[in-house]
C-alpha atoms as a PDB file:
ATOM      1  CA  UNK A   1       0.195   0.180   0.102  1.00  0.00           C
ATOM      2  CA  UNK A   2       1.351   3.511  -1.124  1.00  0.00           C
ATOM      3  CA  UNK A   3       0.500   6.920   1.090  1.00  0.00           C
ATOM      4  CA  UNK A   4      -2.173   7.690  -2.076  1.00  0.00           C
ATOM      5  CA  UNK A   5      -4.014   4.508  -1.749  1.00  0.00           C
ATOM      6  CA  UNK A   6      -4.007   4.860   2.115  1.00  0.00           C
ATOM      7  CA  UNK A   7      -5.741   8.519   1.928  1.00  0.00           C
ATOM      8  CA  UNK A   8      -8.091   7.433  -0.644  1.00  0.00           C
ATOM      9  CA  UNK A   9      -9.281   4.779   1.569  1.00  0.00           C
ATOM     10  CA  UNK A  10      -9.421   6.957   4.275  1.00  0.00           C
ATOM     11  CA  UNK A  11     -11.515   9.433   2.470  1.00  0.00           C
ATOM     12  CA  UNK A  12     -13.864   6.591   1.604  1.00  0.00           C
ATOM     13  CA  UNK A  13     -14.560   5.642   5.386  1.00  0.00           C
ATOM     14  CA  UNK A  14     -15.170   9.224   6.007  1.00  0.00           C
ATOM     15  CA  UNK A  15     -17.607   9.475   2.919  1.00  0.00           C
ATOM     16  CA  UNK A  16     -19.266   6.137   4.549  1.00  0.00           C
ATOM     17  CA  UNK A  17     -19.309   6.923   8.097  1.00  0.00           C
ATOM     18  CA  UNK A  18     -18.585  10.639   9.004  1.00  0.00           C
ATOM     19  CA  UNK A  19     -16.038  12.370  10.873  1.00  0.00           C
ATOM     20  CA  UNK A  20     -13.432   9.585  11.680  1.00  0.00           C
ATOM     21  CA  UNK A  21     -10.848  11.817  13.394  1.00  0.00           C
ATOM     22  CA  UNK A  22     -11.084   9.889  16.640  1.00  0.00           C
ATOM     23  CA  UNK A  23     -11.088   6.541  15.102  1.00  0.00           C
ATOM     24  CA  UNK A  24      -8.114   4.193  16.625  1.00  0.00           C
ATOM     25  CA  UNK A  25      -5.851   2.499  14.436  1.00  0.00           C
ATOM     26  CA  UNK A  26      -5.013  -1.064  14.922  1.00  0.00           C
ATOM     27  CA  UNK A  27      -2.811  -3.453  13.485  1.00  0.00           C
ATOM     28  CA  UNK A  28      -2.937  -7.304  12.983  1.00  0.00           C
ATOM     29  CA  UNK A  29      -0.960  -9.904  11.276  1.00  0.00           C
ATOM     30  CA  UNK A  30      -4.311 -11.698   9.950  1.00  0.00           C
ATOM     31  CA  UNK A  31      -7.742 -11.665  10.521  1.00  0.00           C
ATOM     32  CA  UNK A  32      -7.243 -14.425  13.234  1.00  0.00           C
ATOM     33  CA  UNK A  33      -4.119 -12.397  15.206  1.00  0.00           C
ATOM     34  CA  UNK A  34      -4.740 -10.317  18.321  1.00  0.00           C
ATOM     35  CA  UNK A  35      -5.217  -6.524  18.153  1.00  0.00           C
ATOM     36  CA  UNK A  36      -2.194  -3.852  18.587  1.00  0.00           C
ATOM     37  CA  UNK A  37      -2.617  -0.134  18.354  1.00  0.00           C
ATOM     38  CA  UNK A  38      -0.686   2.055  16.374  1.00  0.00           C
ATOM     39  CA  UNK A  39       0.564   4.563  18.631  1.00  0.00           C
ATOM     40  CA  UNK A  40       3.197   6.088  16.581  1.00  0.00           C
ATOM     41  CA  UNK A  41       3.910   7.151  12.576  1.00  0.00           C
ATOM     42  CA  UNK A  42       7.492   7.404  11.815  1.00  0.00           C
ATOM     43  CA  UNK A  43       9.863   7.772   8.555  1.00  0.00           C
ATOM     44  CA  UNK A  44      11.377   4.624   7.896  1.00  0.00           C
ATOM     45  CA  UNK A  45      13.298   4.068   4.504  1.00  0.00           C
ATOM     46  CA  UNK A  46      14.947   6.231   2.168  1.00  0.00           C
ATOM     47  CA  UNK A  47      15.427   6.022  -1.730  1.00  0.00           C
ATOM     48  CA  UNK A  48      19.141   5.425  -2.710  1.00  0.00           C
ATOM     49  CA  UNK A  49      19.469   9.440  -2.706  1.00  0.00           C
ATOM     50  CA  UNK A  50      19.330   9.122   1.274  1.00  0.00           C
ATOM     51  CA  UNK A  51      16.741  12.551   0.934  1.00  0.00           C
ATOM     52  CA  UNK A  52      14.075  10.974  -0.560  1.00  0.00           C
ATOM     53  CA  UNK A  53      11.307   9.266   1.533  1.00  0.00           C
ATOM     54  CA  UNK A  54      10.749   5.700   0.403  1.00  0.00           C
ATOM     55  CA  UNK A  55       8.588   4.290   3.421  1.00  0.00           C
ATOM     56  CA  UNK A  56       7.011   5.154   6.794  1.00  0.00           C
ATOM     57  CA  UNK A  57       5.927   2.851   9.587  1.00  0.00           C
ATOM     58  CA  UNK A  58       3.185   2.409  11.833  1.00  0.00           C
ATOM     59  CA  UNK A  59       4.483   1.357  15.236  1.00  0.00           C
ATOM     60  CA  UNK A  60       2.885   0.444  18.763  1.00  0.00           C
ATOM     61  CA  UNK A  61       6.138   1.310  20.519  1.00  0.00           C
ATOM     62  CA  UNK A  62       8.733   3.555  20.127  1.00  0.00           C
ATOM     63  CA  UNK A  63      11.363   2.388  22.408  1.00  0.00           C
ATOM     64  CA  UNK A  64      14.682   1.174  20.892  1.00  0.00           C
ATOM     65  CA  UNK A  65      15.669  -2.498  21.996  1.00  0.00           C
END
């Protein structure tokens, strides 16, 4: 999925359900897995020029291991 697809999906949800600003974002590995609440969105990887953002990451915890 890319950002444009995510924005379109969010827009479709708002069109169908109204204001969704307070809706929580969860993460699951599959339909049967446990729910993990996403608390953070961070920059992830950059393209080869090290300037152009290539990916973002949704995190449940932002503490470094």
